[in-house]
Amino acid sequence: MAGITGVGGVIGFLRTGSIPSLVAGGGVSALYVWSTYHMLHGDPEKGLQGAFAASAILSASSLPRVRKGPVPLVLAIAGASTALYYGKQLKELRIFPFN
């Protein structure tokens, strides 16, 4: 997801000159990278929480634009799917804040 969101932000910027696309894509990508680092280096709780947050941000930011074309729809579906996955992982580890 880090690669997809980072590249997507750059493509959005190159195609339309959208600085918000660049910043949002880079920010969400950085959060996924940070999460992966923590999952691989001994703090899976922090990593899963970060990945869940990144997925929720991706989905929430894409939902208002779903009708504008296939790209926002795919981003919303990918964000929601990964948020559900990471939320399930957090719940199974009993670290999901909404038990």
C-alpha atoms as a PDB file:
ATOM      1  CA  MET A   1       0.000   0.000   0.000  1.00  0.00           C
ATOM      2  CA  ALA A   2       2.895   2.362   0.675  1.00  0.00           C
ATOM      3  CA  GLY A   3       4.088   2.101  -2.904  1.00  0.00           C
ATOM      4  CA  ILE A   4       0.620   2.447  -4.407  1.00  0.00           C
ATOM      5  CA  THR A   5      -0.267   5.536  -2.394  1.00  0.00           C
ATOM      6  CA  GLY A   6       3.113   7.193  -2.930  1.00  0.00           C
ATOM      7  CA  VAL A   7       3.125   6.597  -6.681  1.00  0.00           C
ATOM      8  CA  GLY A   8      -0.530   7.636  -6.870  1.00  0.00           C
ATOM      9  CA  GLY A   9       0.230  10.944  -5.210  1.00  0.00           C
ATOM     10  CA  VAL A  10       3.060  11.627  -7.644  1.00  0.00           C
ATOM     11  CA  ILE A  11       0.914  10.668 -10.641  1.00  0.00           C
ATOM     12  CA  GLY A  12      -1.916  12.902  -9.416  1.00  0.00           C
ATOM     13  CA  PHE A  13       0.529  15.776  -9.124  1.00  0.00           C
ATOM     14  CA  LEU A  14       2.082  15.178 -12.545  1.00  0.00           C
ATOM     15  CA  ARG A  15      -1.281  14.863 -14.300  1.00  0.00           C
ATOM     16  CA  THR A  16      -3.130  17.760 -12.703  1.00  0.00           C
ATOM     17  CA  GLY A  17      -0.555  19.732 -10.735  1.00  0.00           C
ATOM     18  CA  SER A  18      -2.428  18.835  -7.544  1.00  0.00           C
ATOM     19  CA  ILE A  19      -0.235  19.575  -4.547  1.00  0.00           C
ATOM     20  CA  PRO A  20      -2.875  18.074  -2.182  1.00  0.00           C
ATOM     21  CA  SER A  21      -2.558  14.767  -4.088  1.00  0.00           C
ATOM     22  CA  LEU A  22       1.199  14.838  -3.671  1.00  0.00           C
ATOM     23  CA  VAL A  23       1.039  15.703   0.033  1.00  0.00           C
ATOM     24  CA  ALA A  24      -1.748  13.237   0.849  1.00  0.00           C
ATOM     25  CA  GLY A  25      -0.206  10.410  -1.187  1.00  0.00           C
ATOM     26  CA  GLY A  26       3.196  11.023   0.360  1.00  0.00           C
ATOM     27  CA  GLY A  27       1.783  11.311   3.870  1.00  0.00           C
ATOM     28  CA  VAL A  28      -0.290   8.137   3.718  1.00  0.00           C
ATOM     29  CA  SER A  29       2.621   6.337   2.065  1.00  0.00           C
ATOM     30  CA  ALA A  30       4.972   7.491   4.829  1.00  0.00           C
ATOM     31  CA  LEU A  31       2.515   6.262   7.468  1.00  0.00           C
ATOM     32  CA  TYR A  32       2.392   2.830   5.794  1.00  0.00           C
ATOM     33  CA  VAL A  33       6.209   2.709   5.681  1.00  0.00           C
ATOM     34  CA  TRP A  34       6.411   3.726   9.361  1.00  0.00           C
ATOM     35  CA  SER A  35       3.857   1.039  10.228  1.00  0.00           C
ATOM     36  CA  THR A  36       5.710  -1.637   8.301  1.00  0.00           C
ATOM     37  CA  TYR A  37       8.943  -0.710  10.032  1.00  0.00           C
ATOM     38  CA  HIS A  38       7.347  -1.140  13.460  1.00  0.00           C
ATOM     39  CA  MET A  39       5.652  -4.422  12.510  1.00  0.00           C
ATOM     40  CA  LEU A  40       8.972  -5.859  11.365  1.00  0.00           C
ATOM     41  CA  HIS A  41      11.104  -4.513  14.201  1.00  0.00           C
ATOM     42  CA  GLY A  42       9.392  -5.666  17.361  1.00  0.00           C
ATOM     43  CA  ASP A  43       6.415  -3.357  17.900  1.00  0.00           C
ATOM     44  CA  PRO A  44       3.537  -4.916  15.956  1.00  0.00           C
ATOM     45  CA  GLU A  45       0.906  -3.147  18.061  1.00  0.00           C
ATOM     46  CA  LYS A  46       2.143   0.284  17.019  1.00  0.00           C
ATOM     47  CA  GLY A  47       2.587  -0.883  13.431  1.00  0.00           C
ATOM     48  CA  LEU A  48      -0.926  -2.304  13.161  1.00  0.00           C
ATOM     49  CA  GLN A  49      -2.424   0.839  14.657  1.00  0.00           C
ATOM     50  CA  GLY A  50      -0.542   3.000  12.163  1.00  0.00           C
ATOM     51  CA  ALA A  51      -1.557   0.818   9.224  1.00  0.00           C
ATOM     52  CA  PHE A  52      -5.179   0.914  10.386  1.00  0.00           C
ATOM     53  CA  ALA A  53      -5.021   4.713  10.616  1.00  0.00           C
ATOM     54  CA  ALA A  54      -3.436   5.034   7.164  1.00  0.00           C
ATOM     55  CA  SER A  55      -6.116   2.786   5.662  1.00  0.00           C
ATOM     56  CA  ALA A  56      -8.920   4.709   7.342  1.00  0.00           C
ATOM     57  CA  ILE A  57      -7.473   8.022   6.108  1.00  0.00           C
ATOM     58  CA  LEU A  58      -7.148   6.652   2.575  1.00  0.00           C
ATOM     59  CA  SER A  59     -10.716   5.399   2.542  1.00  0.00           C
ATOM     60  CA  ALA A  60     -12.234   8.497   4.164  1.00  0.00           C
ATOM     61  CA  SER A  61     -10.421  10.875   1.825  1.00  0.00           C
ATOM     62  CA  SER A  62     -11.491   8.903  -1.249  1.00  0.00           C
ATOM     63  CA  LEU A  63     -15.182   8.418  -0.445  1.00  0.00           C
ATOM     64  CA  PRO A  64     -16.313  11.971  -1.314  1.00  0.00           C
ATOM     65  CA  ARG A  65     -14.739  11.627  -4.782  1.00  0.00           C
ATOM     66  CA  VAL A  66     -16.049   8.147  -5.676  1.00  0.00           C
ATOM     67  CA  ARG A  67     -18.399   9.422  -8.391  1.00  0.00           C
ATOM     68  CA  LYS A  68     -15.596  11.277 -10.196  1.00  0.00           C
ATOM     69  CA  GLY A  69     -14.121   8.142 -11.726  1.00  0.00           C
ATOM     70  CA  PRO A  70     -12.596   4.732 -11.189  1.00  0.00           C
ATOM     71  CA  VAL A  71      -9.450   5.852  -9.361  1.00  0.00           C
ATOM     72  CA  PRO A  72     -11.201   7.276  -6.272  1.00  0.00           C
ATOM     73  CA  LEU A  73     -13.496   4.229  -6.213  1.00  0.00           C
ATOM     74  CA  VAL A  74     -10.538   1.840  -6.230  1.00  0.00           C
ATOM     75  CA  LEU A  75      -8.796   3.891  -3.520  1.00  0.00           C
ATOM     76  CA  ALA A  76     -11.926   3.874  -1.354  1.00  0.00           C
ATOM     77  CA  ILE A  77     -12.345   0.115  -1.745  1.00  0.00           C
ATOM     78  CA  ALA A  78      -8.640  -0.563  -1.109  1.00  0.00           C
ATOM     79  CA  GLY A  79      -8.621   1.715   1.942  1.00  0.00           C
ATOM     80  CA  ALA A  80     -11.773   0.176   3.387  1.00  0.00           C
ATOM     81  CA  SER A  81     -10.544  -3.368   2.727  1.00  0.00           C
ATOM     82  CA  THR A  82      -7.196  -2.816   4.370  1.00  0.00           C
ATOM     83  CA  ALA A  83      -8.813  -0.942   7.273  1.00  0.00           C
ATOM     84  CA  LEU A  84     -11.081  -3.941   7.856  1.00  0.00           C
ATOM     85  CA  TYR A  85      -8.081  -6.278   7.681  1.00  0.00           C
ATOM     86  CA  TYR A  86      -5.953  -4.286  10.118  1.00  0.00           C
ATOM     87  CA  GLY A  87      -8.960  -3.695  12.379  1.00  0.00           C
ATOM     88  CA  LYS A  88      -9.528  -7.458  12.513  1.00  0.00           C
ATOM     89  CA  GLN A  89      -5.873  -8.018  13.372  1.00  0.00           C
ATOM     90  CA  LEU A  90      -6.053  -5.452  16.168  1.00  0.00           C
ATOM     91  CA  LYS A  91      -9.226  -7.008  17.532  1.00  0.00           C
ATOM     92  CA  GLU A  92      -7.707 -10.501  17.488  1.00  0.00           C
ATOM     93  CA  LEU A  93      -4.707  -9.197  19.425  1.00  0.00           C
ATOM     94  CA  ARG A  94      -7.108  -7.401  21.797  1.00  0.00           C
ATOM     95  CA  ILE A  95      -5.531  -4.032  21.169  1.00  0.00           C
ATOM     96  CA  PHE A  96      -8.351  -2.549  19.138  1.00  0.00           C
ATOM     97  CA  PRO A  97      -9.567   0.502  21.078  1.00  0.00           C
ATOM     98  CA  PHE A  98     -13.265  -0.190  20.480  1.00  0.00           C
ATOM     99  CA  ASN A  99     -13.711  -3.657  22.039  1.00  0.00           C
END
